[in-house]
Structure formats: C-alpha cells, structure tokens
Amino acid sequence: MPRQKRPLTTGGIIFNILYTLAFPAIATFAFLYTVLVWILSIPSKIIAFVASKIKK
C-alpha cells in the first residue's frame, strides 16, 4: 500500500526550517553552558587542591 504524500503547507515548511535550524543553536548553548560551568568551577578546584596539600 503506497504512502500518501502530505500536502505542503506554509506552516509545515516553516516548522521544518525552524526544526533544522534549532540543532546548531542547541549545540551552541550546550557548549557555552559547559564552558561556563568549567570556568566557574576552577576556584573550587583550586581550593580543593590547596586543601589536599595542606592536609598532608
């Protein structure tokens, strides 16, 4: 049984374009969020390192 093609609508085209464009935006946001968390965690890593050296 052949599949029927869905009719092209303006909303469908806009949805497909936005859906495709969303992936780079999500990837960029995830990358920037990861970098920001890494940068903000540096002070606690330094404190933990210094505390471990003092304890020995």
N, C-alpha and C. Protein backbone atom coordinates (compact mmCIF):
# COMPACT_ATOMS: atom_id res chain seq x y z
N MET A 1 0.85 -1.18 0.00
CA MET A 1 0.00 0.00 0.00
C MET A 1 0.90 1.24 0.00
N PRO A 2 0.81 2.08 -1.02
CA PRO A 2 1.69 3.25 -1.10
C PRO A 2 1.32 4.31 -0.07
N ARG A 3 2.38 4.97 0.44
CA ARG A 3 2.15 6.06 1.40
C ARG A 3 1.64 7.27 0.66
N GLN A 4 0.70 7.93 1.26
CA GLN A 4 0.20 9.17 0.66
C GLN A 4 1.10 10.32 1.09
N LYS A 5 1.41 11.18 0.16
CA LYS A 5 2.23 12.35 0.48
C LYS A 5 1.37 13.37 1.22
N ARG A 6 1.99 13.98 2.23
CA ARG A 6 1.28 15.04 2.94
C ARG A 6 1.36 16.30 2.10
N PRO A 7 0.31 17.08 2.10
CA PRO A 7 0.35 18.32 1.32
C PRO A 7 1.32 19.33 1.95
N LEU A 8 2.00 20.09 1.10
CA LEU A 8 2.91 21.13 1.59
C LEU A 8 2.09 22.32 2.04
N THR A 9 2.33 22.72 3.28
CA THR A 9 1.66 23.91 3.80
C THR A 9 2.73 24.88 4.27
N THR A 10 2.35 26.13 4.38
CA THR A 10 3.30 27.15 4.85
C THR A 10 3.78 26.82 6.26
N GLY A 11 2.86 26.41 7.12
CA GLY A 11 3.23 26.06 8.49
C GLY A 11 4.19 24.89 8.53
N GLY A 12 3.96 23.90 7.67
CA GLY A 12 4.84 22.75 7.63
C GLY A 12 6.24 23.11 7.17
N ILE A 13 6.33 23.98 6.18
CA ILE A 13 7.64 24.42 5.69
C ILE A 13 8.38 25.21 6.77
N ILE A 14 7.68 26.13 7.42
CA ILE A 14 8.29 26.94 8.49
C ILE A 14 8.75 26.03 9.63
N PHE A 15 7.92 25.05 9.98
CA PHE A 15 8.29 24.13 11.06
C PHE A 15 9.56 23.36 10.69
N ASN A 16 9.64 22.87 9.47
CA ASN A 16 10.82 22.11 9.05
C ASN A 16 12.07 22.98 9.06
N ILE A 17 11.96 24.22 8.64
CA ILE A 17 13.11 25.12 8.64
C ILE A 17 13.56 25.40 10.08
N LEU A 18 12.63 25.74 10.95
CA LEU A 18 12.98 26.04 12.34
C LEU A 18 13.52 24.80 13.06
N TYR A 19 12.96 23.65 12.74
CA TYR A 19 13.42 22.39 13.35
C TYR A 19 14.86 22.11 12.96
N THR A 20 15.18 22.36 11.70
CA THR A 20 16.55 22.14 11.22
C THR A 20 17.51 23.16 11.82
N LEU A 21 17.10 24.41 11.94
CA LEU A 21 17.96 25.46 12.47
C LEU A 21 18.15 25.35 13.98
N ALA A 22 17.29 24.63 14.66
CA ALA A 22 17.36 24.56 16.12
C ALA A 22 18.56 23.74 16.58
N PHE A 23 18.99 22.77 15.80
CA PHE A 23 20.08 21.90 16.25
C PHE A 23 21.38 22.65 16.50
N PRO A 24 21.85 23.52 15.59
CA PRO A 24 23.08 24.27 15.90
C PRO A 24 22.91 25.18 17.11
N ALA A 25 21.73 25.76 17.28
CA ALA A 25 21.50 26.63 18.43
C ALA A 25 21.57 25.85 19.73
N ILE A 26 20.99 24.67 19.75
CA ILE A 26 21.03 23.83 20.95
C ILE A 26 22.45 23.38 21.23
N ALA A 27 23.18 23.00 20.19
CA ALA A 27 24.57 22.57 20.37
C ALA A 27 25.44 23.72 20.89
N THR A 28 25.23 24.92 20.35
CA THR A 28 26.00 26.08 20.80
C THR A 28 25.69 26.39 22.26
N PHE A 29 24.42 26.36 22.62
CA PHE A 29 24.03 26.63 24.00
C PHE A 29 24.65 25.60 24.95
N ALA A 30 24.61 24.33 24.57
CA ALA A 30 25.17 23.29 25.43
C ALA A 30 26.68 23.47 25.58
N PHE A 31 27.36 23.83 24.50
CA PHE A 31 28.80 24.06 24.56
C PHE A 31 29.13 25.24 25.47
N LEU A 32 28.44 26.35 25.29
CA LEU A 32 28.70 27.53 26.12
C LEU A 32 28.38 27.27 27.58
N TYR A 33 27.32 26.54 27.85
CA TYR A 33 26.96 26.20 29.22
C TYR A 33 28.05 25.34 29.86
N THR A 34 28.56 24.38 29.11
CA THR A 34 29.63 23.52 29.62
C THR A 34 30.89 24.33 29.92
N VAL A 35 31.26 25.22 29.02
CA VAL A 35 32.44 26.06 29.23
C VAL A 35 32.24 26.97 30.45
N LEU A 36 31.06 27.54 30.58
CA LEU A 36 30.79 28.42 31.72
C LEU A 36 30.88 27.66 33.04
N VAL A 37 30.32 26.47 33.09
CA VAL A 37 30.40 25.66 34.32
C VAL A 37 31.84 25.30 34.61
N TRP A 38 32.61 24.96 33.58
CA TRP A 38 34.02 24.61 33.77
C TRP A 38 34.79 25.80 34.33
N ILE A 39 34.56 26.99 33.77
CA ILE A 39 35.27 28.19 34.23
C ILE A 39 34.88 28.52 35.67
N LEU A 40 33.59 28.44 35.98
CA LEU A 40 33.15 28.79 37.33
C LEU A 40 33.56 27.75 38.38
N SER A 41 33.92 26.55 37.94
CA SER A 41 34.33 25.53 38.90
C SER A 41 35.83 25.58 39.19
N ILE A 42 36.58 26.40 38.47
CA ILE A 42 38.03 26.49 38.69
C ILE A 42 38.38 26.91 40.12
N PRO A 43 37.72 27.93 40.70
CA PRO A 43 38.07 28.29 42.08
C PRO A 43 37.89 27.15 43.08
N SER A 44 36.82 26.39 42.94
CA SER A 44 36.63 25.29 43.89
C SER A 44 37.66 24.19 43.67
N LYS A 45 38.09 23.99 42.43
CA LYS A 45 39.15 23.00 42.17
C LYS A 45 40.46 23.45 42.79
N ILE A 46 40.75 24.74 42.71
CA ILE A 46 41.98 25.28 43.31
C ILE A 46 41.93 25.14 44.82
N ILE A 47 40.79 25.48 45.41
CA ILE A 47 40.65 25.36 46.87
C ILE A 47 40.81 23.91 47.30
N ALA A 48 40.21 22.98 46.57
CA ALA A 48 40.34 21.56 46.91
C ALA A 48 41.78 21.10 46.77
N PHE A 49 42.48 21.57 45.76
CA PHE A 49 43.88 21.19 45.57
C PHE A 49 44.74 21.71 46.72
N VAL A 50 44.54 22.98 47.07
CA VAL A 50 45.32 23.58 48.16
C VAL A 50 45.01 22.88 49.48
N ALA A 51 43.73 22.58 49.70
CA ALA A 51 43.34 21.91 50.95
C ALA A 51 43.95 20.52 51.03
N SER A 52 44.05 19.83 49.92
CA SER A 52 44.63 18.49 49.95
C SER A 52 46.14 18.56 50.22
N LYS A 53 46.81 19.61 49.75
CA LYS A 53 48.25 19.76 50.00
C LYS A 53 48.51 20.14 51.46
N ILE A 54 47.64 20.96 52.03
CA ILE A 54 47.80 21.38 53.43
C ILE A 54 47.57 20.20 54.37
N LYS A 55 46.62 19.33 54.03
CA LYS A 55 46.24 18.22 54.89
C LYS A 55 47.39 17.22 55.02
N LYS A 56 48.22 17.06 54.00
CA LYS A 56 49.30 16.06 54.02
C LYS A 56 50.44 16.46 54.90
